[in-house]
């Protein structure tokens, strides 16, 4: 890698409006992801899933991402379809269409007469979750790749900052939808085994938002053709059409790729438990119920949506703070953010007040900001323009693998810790603290 030009060294400066449009569809994609992550546990427990088995359902999304994102990267590196938008945008269109269809089906898992707790209902939910995550991954990856393709080194932090802002804005909208709809009088409870209308309509609104924001990017962004891309990145046109063996690329990946992957492992492991157990933990600690069909549990589900919004707002604010941190203090900002997040995870175990949980999720949001601000910038700066999409697809493994490991370990940890969803936050806090400590292994490098 030392003899290659930096991925963004020869790229021209882009207008701020162009950078916004490159990222704009990320708002809709993250809305879909957040609806899935914040409501999935609630949906499955509502239709009769045993909390001891939640880990099985939460394995499916990261497994889909682990497989799909490198494939999308590999083939989009070799794609040029100008009538469909270019190199990355055709995959955005495909992912968007499938995701919208699945978003209309998933919240209706309990509405097709399968029966409460039936295998049919659970399988339907599991398959739709897998399809939603697969299609959302197909739609999401192009945005990450287009920043690497089109944005120069000087503007890259700004571009990923905008992506983080839009991501967290989408997360806020998705998280508060059920709460706001309930406030306007939409039913937040339903008959046993049926998902409430507040959740169903939230998914419908999210699907509409995904369509609108994605189309803005499709119609307003013009990707570089292969010759222009090669010229700007200082490579030949053949560099992205030849080779690309995943094992060879990983073998020659820069050190930063692997050290950031280590940090990512701890971070995403912790967040997997946040998404899996938040609704149940809040219901137990604040509403004193473990009955997923009760009004108290559904209220806890709505409050988790509000807390997820708080987390995202905190992430937006903290991302702005981190953007002001000088380069020489990046590692300190990264480690400090993760350490505060660890405190937030641990505090959930001790707090029994609905309002006090806001503090916990603010700290979790600070960690989320660090996770969204630093990894892609560090890794893309260390890469050349060769096989950019494939490398970023492979780097997604640093997000997916820890979620899979966390879900598998939950089958042993959950009963070991008394089958208590609250206790899983102790594990999450300890693991996030390990992530903060592992930041010290990172050495930022740039392809030359």
Protein backbone atom coordinates (compact mmCIF):
# COMPACT_ATOMS: atom_id res chain seq x y z
CA UNK A 1 0.00 0.00 0.00
CA UNK A 2 2.89 2.37 0.62
CA UNK A 3 3.47 3.04 -3.09
CA UNK A 4 -0.14 3.94 -3.86
CA UNK A 5 -1.87 7.28 -3.79
CA UNK A 6 -4.36 8.04 -1.08
CA UNK A 7 -7.92 7.20 -2.13
CA UNK A 8 -8.94 10.84 -2.14
CA UNK A 9 -5.66 12.61 -2.97
CA UNK A 10 -6.51 13.57 -6.56
CA UNK A 11 -10.25 14.18 -6.26
CA UNK A 12 -11.67 17.66 -6.91
CA UNK A 13 -13.46 19.61 -4.21
CA UNK A 14 -17.23 19.17 -4.26
CA UNK A 15 -19.88 21.72 -3.35
CA UNK A 16 -21.53 21.26 0.03
CA UNK A 17 -24.87 20.70 -1.70
CA UNK A 18 -23.39 17.81 -3.71
CA UNK A 19 -21.99 16.20 -0.57
CA UNK A 20 -25.41 16.54 1.08
CA UNK A 21 -27.10 14.88 -1.90
CA UNK A 22 -24.57 12.02 -1.93
CA UNK A 23 -25.65 11.27 1.63
CA UNK A 24 -29.30 12.35 1.69
CA UNK A 25 -30.82 8.92 1.12
CA UNK A 26 -28.99 7.72 4.22
CA UNK A 27 -31.74 9.45 6.20
CA UNK A 28 -34.36 7.04 4.89
CA UNK A 29 -32.15 3.96 5.12
CA UNK A 30 -31.28 4.68 8.75
CA UNK A 31 -34.97 5.23 9.50
CA UNK A 32 -35.61 1.69 8.28
CA UNK A 33 -32.70 0.30 10.28
CA UNK A 34 -33.76 2.06 13.47
CA UNK A 35 -37.36 0.94 13.17
CA UNK A 36 -36.04 -2.58 12.84
CA UNK A 37 -33.56 -2.37 15.73
CA UNK A 38 -35.79 -0.45 18.14
CA UNK A 39 -39.00 -2.38 17.48
CA UNK A 40 -37.82 -5.89 16.59
CA UNK A 41 -37.63 -7.18 20.17
CA UNK A 42 -41.04 -5.67 20.88
CA UNK A 43 -42.59 -7.20 17.74
CA UNK A 44 -41.23 -10.68 18.40
CA UNK A 45 -42.20 -10.73 22.06
CA UNK A 46 -45.64 -9.38 21.13
CA UNK A 47 -46.24 -12.25 18.71
CA UNK A 48 -45.11 -14.78 21.32
CA UNK A 49 -41.33 -15.21 21.13
CA UNK A 50 -39.62 -16.52 24.28
CA UNK A 51 -37.10 -13.92 25.58
CA UNK A 52 -34.60 -16.79 25.96
CA UNK A 53 -34.70 -17.23 22.18
CA UNK A 54 -34.42 -13.57 21.11
CA UNK A 55 -30.78 -14.11 20.17
CA UNK A 56 -31.82 -16.32 17.24
CA UNK A 57 -33.82 -13.50 15.66
CA UNK A 58 -31.07 -10.95 16.21
CA UNK A 59 -28.48 -13.14 14.47
CA UNK A 60 -30.27 -12.83 11.13
CA UNK A 61 -29.65 -9.11 10.39
CA UNK A 62 -25.86 -9.09 10.95
CA UNK A 63 -25.53 -12.43 9.16
CA UNK A 64 -27.24 -10.87 6.14
CA UNK A 65 -24.94 -7.85 6.31
CA UNK A 66 -21.82 -9.99 6.67
CA UNK A 67 -22.61 -11.78 3.42
CA UNK A 68 -24.31 -9.08 1.38
CA UNK A 69 -22.12 -6.00 1.86
CA UNK A 70 -18.87 -7.48 0.49
CA UNK A 71 -20.82 -8.89 -2.47
CA UNK A 72 -22.33 -5.48 -3.20
CA UNK A 73 -18.89 -3.90 -2.88
CA UNK A 74 -17.29 -6.46 -5.18
CA UNK A 75 -19.88 -6.19 -7.95
CA UNK A 76 -20.43 -2.45 -7.71
CA UNK A 77 -16.66 -1.96 -8.16
CA UNK A 78 -17.16 -3.64 -11.55
CA UNK A 79 -20.50 -2.08 -12.46
CA UNK A 80 -21.11 0.80 -14.83
CA UNK A 81 -24.78 1.32 -15.71
CA UNK A 82 -25.25 5.01 -16.59
CA UNK A 83 -28.97 4.61 -17.34
CA UNK A 84 -29.48 3.36 -13.76
CA UNK A 85 -27.23 5.97 -12.16
CA UNK A 86 -23.70 4.62 -12.47
CA UNK A 87 -21.64 2.31 -10.26
CA UNK A 88 -23.27 2.35 -6.78
CA UNK A 89 -26.72 3.86 -7.38
CA UNK A 90 -28.26 0.82 -9.17
CA UNK A 91 -27.75 -1.16 -5.96
CA UNK A 92 -29.34 1.63 -3.93
CA UNK A 93 -32.44 1.40 -6.12
CA UNK A 94 -32.64 -2.37 -5.79
CA UNK A 95 -32.22 -2.30 -2.03
CA UNK A 96 -34.76 0.48 -1.60
CA UNK A 97 -37.49 -1.35 -3.54
CA UNK A 98 -37.11 -4.60 -1.59
CA UNK A 99 -36.81 -2.80 1.77
CA UNK A 100 -40.03 -0.88 1.20
CA UNK A 101 -41.96 -4.07 0.44
CA UNK A 102 -40.63 -5.79 3.54
CA UNK A 103 -41.34 -2.75 5.75
CA UNK A 104 -44.98 -3.10 4.81
CA UNK A 105 -44.98 -6.79 5.82
CA UNK A 106 -42.85 -7.04 8.99
CA UNK A 107 -45.10 -5.19 11.48
CA UNK A 108 -48.03 -7.28 10.30
CA UNK A 109 -46.37 -10.52 11.46
CA UNK A 110 -49.14 -11.06 14.00
CA UNK A 111 -52.00 -10.05 11.72
CA UNK A 112 -52.23 -12.96 9.31
CA UNK A 113 -53.97 -15.41 11.64
CA UNK A 114 -50.91 -17.54 12.38
CA UNK A 115 -51.69 -17.62 16.10
CA UNK A 116 -49.86 -16.30 19.18
CA UNK A 117 -46.46 -17.93 19.59
CA UNK A 118 -46.96 -20.17 16.55
CA UNK A 119 -43.98 -21.27 14.49
CA UNK A 120 -45.62 -19.81 11.41
CA UNK A 121 -45.82 -16.34 12.95
CA UNK A 122 -42.25 -16.49 14.25
CA UNK A 123 -40.86 -17.81 10.97
CA UNK A 124 -42.72 -15.13 9.03
CA UNK A 125 -41.26 -12.48 11.31
CA UNK A 126 -37.76 -13.96 11.13
CA UNK A 127 -37.77 -14.17 7.33
CA UNK A 128 -39.08 -10.62 6.90
CA UNK A 129 -36.46 -9.29 9.35
CA UNK A 130 -33.71 -11.05 7.39
CA UNK A 131 -35.03 -9.64 4.11
CA UNK A 132 -35.35 -6.14 5.58
CA UNK A 133 -31.78 -6.19 6.83
CA UNK A 134 -30.48 -7.68 3.59
CA UNK A 135 -32.22 -5.04 1.46
CA UNK A 136 -31.29 -2.22 3.84
CA UNK A 137 -27.66 -3.32 3.64
CA UNK A 138 -27.87 -3.26 -0.16
CA UNK A 139 -29.31 0.27 0.02
CA UNK A 140 -26.92 1.53 2.71
CA UNK A 141 -23.55 0.44 1.33
CA UNK A 142 -23.65 2.70 -1.77
CA UNK A 143 -23.65 5.83 0.41
CA UNK A 144 -20.49 4.77 2.25
CA UNK A 145 -18.84 3.86 -1.04
CA UNK A 146 -19.78 7.07 -2.87
CA UNK A 147 -18.02 9.14 -0.21
CA UNK A 148 -14.89 7.05 -0.76
CA UNK A 149 -15.33 7.30 -4.54
CA UNK A 150 -16.06 11.03 -4.90
CA UNK A 151 -14.93 13.00 -1.85
CA UNK A 152 -11.33 14.16 -1.41
CA UNK A 153 -9.30 13.79 1.77
CA UNK A 154 -9.90 17.38 2.90
CA UNK A 155 -13.69 17.03 2.69
CA UNK A 156 -14.02 13.43 3.82
CA UNK A 157 -14.50 14.22 7.51
CA UNK A 158 -17.21 16.70 6.58
CA UNK A 159 -18.91 14.16 4.30
CA UNK A 160 -18.95 11.42 6.92
CA UNK A 161 -20.09 14.02 9.43
CA UNK A 162 -23.09 14.82 7.23
CA UNK A 163 -23.74 11.10 6.86
CA UNK A 164 -23.65 10.75 10.65
CA UNK A 165 -26.00 13.71 11.06
CA UNK A 166 -28.52 12.30 8.56
CA UNK A 167 -28.15 8.84 10.06
CA UNK A 168 -28.96 10.08 13.54
CA UNK A 169 -31.77 12.30 12.29
CA UNK A 170 -33.36 9.25 10.65
CA UNK A 171 -32.85 7.35 13.90
CA UNK A 172 -34.60 10.10 15.88
CA UNK A 173 -37.60 10.11 13.53
CA UNK A 174 -37.91 6.33 13.58
CA UNK A 175 -37.53 6.10 17.33
CA UNK A 176 -40.23 8.64 18.18
CA UNK A 177 -42.81 7.58 15.56
CA UNK A 178 -44.68 5.12 17.85
CA UNK A 179 -44.61 7.55 20.78
CA UNK A 180 -45.92 10.47 18.71
CA UNK A 181 -48.59 8.38 17.00
CA UNK A 182 -49.79 7.14 20.40
CA UNK A 183 -49.93 10.74 21.63
CA UNK A 184 -52.18 11.56 18.65
CA UNK A 185 -54.53 8.75 19.63
CA UNK A 186 -53.33 5.82 17.51
CA UNK A 187 -53.81 2.54 19.38
CA UNK A 188 -50.70 1.38 21.24
CA UNK A 189 -52.16 -1.95 22.35
CA UNK A 190 -53.86 -4.69 20.36
CA UNK A 191 -55.29 -8.13 20.92
CA UNK A 192 -52.90 -10.83 22.03
CA UNK A 193 -50.31 -11.68 19.39
CA UNK A 194 -51.02 -8.62 17.20
CA UNK A 195 -48.58 -5.72 16.83
CA UNK A 196 -50.19 -2.34 17.78
CA UNK A 197 -51.20 0.13 15.09
CA UNK A 198 -48.70 2.68 16.45
CA UNK A 199 -45.87 0.36 15.36
CA UNK A 200 -47.47 -0.72 12.08
CA UNK A 201 -48.07 2.85 10.90
CA UNK A 202 -44.55 3.84 11.96
CA UNK A 203 -43.18 1.28 9.50
CA UNK A 204 -45.45 2.61 6.75
CA UNK A 205 -44.23 6.18 7.31
CA UNK A 206 -40.64 4.95 7.38
CA UNK A 207 -41.12 3.19 4.04
CA UNK A 208 -42.41 6.41 2.46
CA UNK A 209 -39.44 8.34 3.84
CA UNK A 210 -37.04 5.75 2.45
CA UNK A 211 -38.50 6.16 -1.04
CA UNK A 212 -38.41 9.98 -1.05
CA UNK A 213 -34.89 10.44 0.36
CA UNK A 214 -33.34 7.70 -1.77
CA UNK A 215 -34.79 9.15 -4.95
CA UNK A 216 -33.28 12.54 -4.09
CA UNK A 217 -29.84 10.93 -4.15
CA UNK A 218 -30.56 8.90 -7.28
CA UNK A 219 -31.70 11.92 -9.31
CA UNK A 220 -29.25 14.51 -7.97
CA UNK A 221 -25.95 12.61 -7.86
CA UNK A 222 -23.86 11.83 -10.94
CA UNK A 223 -21.16 9.27 -10.28
CA UNK A 224 -17.79 9.38 -12.03
CA UNK A 225 -17.49 7.12 -15.07
CA UNK A 226 -14.73 4.47 -14.91
CA UNK A 227 -12.17 6.56 -16.81
CA UNK A 228 -12.73 9.65 -14.67
CA UNK A 229 -12.70 7.60 -11.47
CA UNK A 230 -9.38 6.00 -12.46
CA UNK A 231 -7.87 9.40 -13.34
CA UNK A 232 -8.89 11.03 -10.05
CA UNK A 233 -7.69 8.07 -7.96
CA UNK A 234 -4.43 7.60 -9.85
CA UNK A 235 -5.18 4.01 -10.88
CA UNK A 236 -5.94 2.25 -14.16
CA UNK A 237 -9.45 1.31 -15.25
CA UNK A 238 -8.47 -2.34 -15.04
CA UNK A 239 -7.54 -2.10 -11.35
CA UNK A 240 -11.17 -2.41 -10.28
CA UNK A 241 -12.09 -5.10 -12.79
CA UNK A 242 -9.23 -7.48 -12.08
CA UNK A 243 -8.39 -9.33 -8.90
CA UNK A 244 -10.49 -8.50 -5.88
CA UNK A 245 -10.14 -11.88 -4.15
CA UNK A 246 -11.45 -11.27 -0.64
CA UNK A 247 -8.77 -13.29 1.11
CA UNK A 248 -5.99 -11.56 -0.82
CA UNK A 249 -7.44 -8.14 -0.04
CA UNK A 250 -7.70 -8.97 3.64
CA UNK A 251 -4.15 -10.33 3.61
CA UNK A 252 -2.85 -6.99 2.30
CA UNK A 253 -5.23 -4.72 4.23
CA UNK A 254 -3.50 -1.84 6.05
CA UNK A 255 -2.92 -2.19 9.79
CA UNK A 256 -5.54 0.47 10.53
CA UNK A 257 -8.17 -1.83 8.98
CA UNK A 258 -7.47 -4.46 11.64
CA UNK A 259 -6.94 -2.25 14.69
CA UNK A 260 -10.19 -0.39 14.06
CA UNK A 261 -11.88 -3.77 13.53
CA UNK A 262 -10.80 -4.76 17.06
CA UNK A 263 -12.41 -1.65 18.54
CA UNK A 264 -15.51 -2.20 16.44
CA UNK A 265 -15.87 -5.74 17.77
CA UNK A 266 -16.34 -4.56 21.35
CA UNK A 267 -18.58 -1.63 20.39
CA UNK A 268 -21.04 -3.52 18.22
CA UNK A 269 -21.14 -6.44 20.65
CA UNK A 270 -22.40 -4.03 23.32
CA UNK A 271 -24.96 -2.37 21.05
CA UNK A 272 -26.37 -5.73 20.02
CA UNK A 273 -27.47 -6.24 23.64
CA UNK A 274 -28.85 -2.71 23.78
CA UNK A 275 -31.16 -3.42 20.84
CA UNK A 276 -32.06 -6.89 22.02
CA UNK A 277 -32.85 -6.21 25.67
CA UNK A 278 -33.70 -2.51 26.10
CA UNK A 279 -37.48 -2.84 25.87
CA UNK A 280 -37.57 -5.77 28.31
CA UNK A 281 -35.08 -4.18 30.73
CA UNK A 282 -37.01 -0.91 30.84
CA UNK A 283 -40.30 -2.75 31.32
CA UNK A 284 -38.83 -4.69 34.25
CA UNK A 285 -37.01 -1.84 35.99
CA UNK A 286 -39.55 0.96 35.46
CA UNK A 287 -42.94 -0.67 34.82
CA UNK A 288 -42.26 -3.80 36.92
CA UNK A 289 -43.54 -6.18 34.26
CA UNK A 290 -42.15 -8.94 32.08
CA UNK A 291 -45.49 -9.61 30.36
CA UNK A 292 -45.03 -8.59 26.71
CA UNK A 293 -48.81 -8.37 26.17
CA UNK A 294 -49.37 -5.88 29.00
CA UNK A 295 -50.02 -2.17 28.60
CA UNK A 296 -46.97 -1.51 30.79
CA UNK A 297 -44.69 -3.45 28.47
CA UNK A 298 -46.03 -1.62 25.41
CA UNK A 299 -45.53 1.70 27.23
CA UNK A 300 -41.95 0.63 27.92
CA UNK A 301 -41.54 -0.12 24.21
CA UNK A 302 -42.68 3.40 23.37
CA UNK A 303 -40.39 4.89 26.01
CA UNK A 304 -37.45 2.99 24.58
CA UNK A 305 -38.29 4.66 21.28
CA UNK A 306 -38.02 8.05 22.99
CA UNK A 307 -34.74 7.02 24.62
CA UNK A 308 -33.42 5.89 21.24
CA UNK A 309 -34.28 9.36 19.95
CA UNK A 310 -32.44 10.90 22.92
CA UNK A 311 -29.46 8.70 22.07
CA UNK A 312 -29.49 9.91 18.47
CA UNK A 313 -29.84 13.59 19.41
CA UNK A 314 -26.92 13.23 21.83
CA UNK A 315 -24.95 11.61 19.00
CA UNK A 316 -25.67 14.55 16.67
CA UNK A 317 -24.48 17.06 19.28
CA UNK A 318 -21.42 15.03 20.23
CA UNK A 319 -20.50 14.48 16.57
CA UNK A 320 -20.27 18.27 16.26
CA UNK A 321 -17.97 18.35 19.30
CA UNK A 322 -15.77 15.59 17.89
CA UNK A 323 -15.51 17.42 14.56
CA UNK A 324 -13.72 20.22 16.41
CA UNK A 325 -11.18 17.89 18.01
CA UNK A 326 -7.69 18.35 16.46
CA UNK A 327 -6.28 15.35 14.61
CA UNK A 328 -3.66 14.65 17.26
CA UNK A 329 -6.42 14.14 19.84
CA UNK A 330 -8.60 11.83 17.72
CA UNK A 331 -7.72 8.73 19.72
CA UNK A 332 -8.50 10.50 22.98
CA UNK A 333 -11.87 11.62 21.61
CA UNK A 334 -12.62 8.11 20.37
CA UNK A 335 -11.64 6.36 23.62
CA UNK A 336 -13.34 8.96 25.81
CA UNK A 337 -16.60 8.64 23.88
CA UNK A 338 -16.62 4.87 24.26
CA UNK A 339 -15.80 5.07 27.97
CA UNK A 340 -18.75 7.41 28.59
CA UNK A 341 -20.92 4.97 26.65
CA UNK A 342 -19.77 2.13 28.92
CA UNK A 343 -20.94 4.14 31.94
CA UNK A 344 -24.28 4.66 30.21
CA UNK A 345 -24.76 0.93 29.63
CA UNK A 346 -23.89 0.05 33.21
CA UNK A 347 -26.23 2.71 34.62
CA UNK A 348 -29.29 1.08 32.99
CA UNK A 349 -28.92 -1.79 35.46
CA UNK A 350 -29.24 0.54 38.45
CA UNK A 351 -31.89 3.03 37.30
CA UNK A 352 -35.59 2.50 38.04
CA UNK A 353 -36.79 5.97 37.05
CA UNK A 354 -38.25 6.62 33.62
CA UNK A 355 -36.77 10.12 33.45
CA UNK A 356 -33.34 9.19 34.79
CA UNK A 357 -32.83 6.75 31.92
CA UNK A 358 -32.46 9.80 29.67
CA UNK A 359 -29.04 10.34 31.24
CA UNK A 360 -28.05 6.75 30.48
CA UNK A 361 -29.00 7.01 26.82
CA UNK A 362 -27.27 10.37 26.41
CA UNK A 363 -24.04 8.64 27.39
CA UNK A 364 -24.82 5.75 25.02
CA UNK A 365 -25.39 8.34 22.28
CA UNK A 366 -21.93 9.79 22.90
CA UNK A 367 -20.43 6.35 22.25
CA UNK A 368 -22.56 6.03 19.13
CA UNK A 369 -21.16 9.33 17.84
CA UNK A 370 -17.61 8.09 18.30
CA UNK A 371 -18.46 4.86 16.48
CA UNK A 372 -19.88 6.81 13.54
CA UNK A 373 -17.25 9.54 13.38
CA UNK A 374 -13.89 7.77 13.42
CA UNK A 375 -13.83 4.24 11.92
CA UNK A 376 -14.67 4.92 8.26
CA UNK A 377 -12.50 8.03 8.13
CA UNK A 378 -9.49 6.18 9.56
CA UNK A 379 -9.95 3.16 7.28
CA UNK A 380 -10.67 5.00 3.99
CA UNK A 381 -7.69 7.31 4.55
CA UNK A 382 -5.51 4.20 4.75
CA UNK A 383 -6.87 2.73 1.49
CA UNK A 384 -6.07 3.44 -2.15
CA UNK A 385 -8.80 3.70 -4.78
CA UNK A 386 -8.39 0.05 -5.74
CA UNK A 387 -11.33 -2.15 -4.78
CA UNK A 388 -12.73 0.58 -2.51
CA UNK A 389 -16.22 -0.94 -2.47
CA UNK A 390 -14.99 -4.44 -1.73
CA UNK A 391 -12.78 -3.24 1.11
CA UNK A 392 -15.63 -1.27 2.69
CA UNK A 393 -17.92 -4.26 2.28
CA UNK A 394 -15.37 -6.46 4.03
CA UNK A 395 -14.91 -3.84 6.75
CA UNK A 396 -18.63 -4.20 7.44
CA UNK A 397 -17.66 -7.54 8.95
CA UNK A 398 -16.34 -5.53 11.89
CA UNK A 399 -19.97 -4.53 12.50
CA UNK A 400 -21.70 -7.82 11.71
CA UNK A 401 -19.42 -10.43 13.30
CA UNK A 402 -19.58 -8.99 16.83
CA UNK A 403 -23.37 -8.89 16.63
CA UNK A 404 -23.44 -12.56 15.62
CA UNK A 405 -21.01 -13.50 18.41
CA UNK A 406 -23.03 -11.50 20.93
CA UNK A 407 -26.26 -13.20 19.89
CA UNK A 408 -24.73 -16.68 20.09
CA UNK A 409 -23.19 -16.00 23.49
CA UNK A 410 -26.55 -14.72 24.75
CA UNK A 411 -27.87 -18.31 24.75
CA UNK A 412 -25.39 -19.09 27.53
CA UNK A 413 -25.16 -15.68 29.22
CA UNK A 414 -28.89 -14.98 29.45
CA UNK A 415 -29.77 -18.04 31.58
CA UNK A 416 -26.46 -17.77 33.45
CA UNK A 417 -27.46 -14.26 34.53
CA UNK A 418 -30.87 -15.34 35.79
CA UNK A 419 -32.75 -14.89 32.50
CA UNK A 420 -32.86 -11.18 33.30
CA UNK A 421 -32.77 -8.71 30.42
CA UNK A 422 -31.56 -6.02 32.85
CA UNK A 423 -28.46 -8.05 33.76
CA UNK A 424 -27.33 -8.13 30.13
CA UNK A 425 -26.53 -4.42 30.41
CA UNK A 426 -23.73 -5.23 32.86
CA UNK A 427 -22.14 -7.38 30.15
CA UNK A 428 -22.64 -4.63 27.55
CA UNK A 429 -21.02 -2.01 29.77
CA UNK A 430 -17.95 -4.14 30.47
CA UNK A 431 -17.49 -4.97 26.78
CA UNK A 432 -17.82 -1.30 25.76
CA UNK A 433 -15.15 -0.38 28.32
CA UNK A 434 -12.87 -2.95 26.61
CA UNK A 435 -13.53 -1.12 23.34
CA UNK A 436 -12.39 2.16 24.89
CA UNK A 437 -9.16 0.53 26.07
CA UNK A 438 -8.47 -1.06 22.65
CA UNK A 439 -8.43 2.34 20.91
CA UNK A 440 -4.81 2.59 22.05
CA UNK A 441 -3.86 -0.03 19.44
CA UNK A 442 -4.89 2.22 16.53
CA UNK A 443 -2.26 4.05 14.53
CA UNK A 444 -3.74 6.35 11.89
CA UNK A 445 -2.06 5.91 8.50
CA UNK A 446 -2.57 7.26 4.99
CA UNK A 447 -1.98 5.48 1.70
CA UNK A 448 0.82 7.24 -0.10
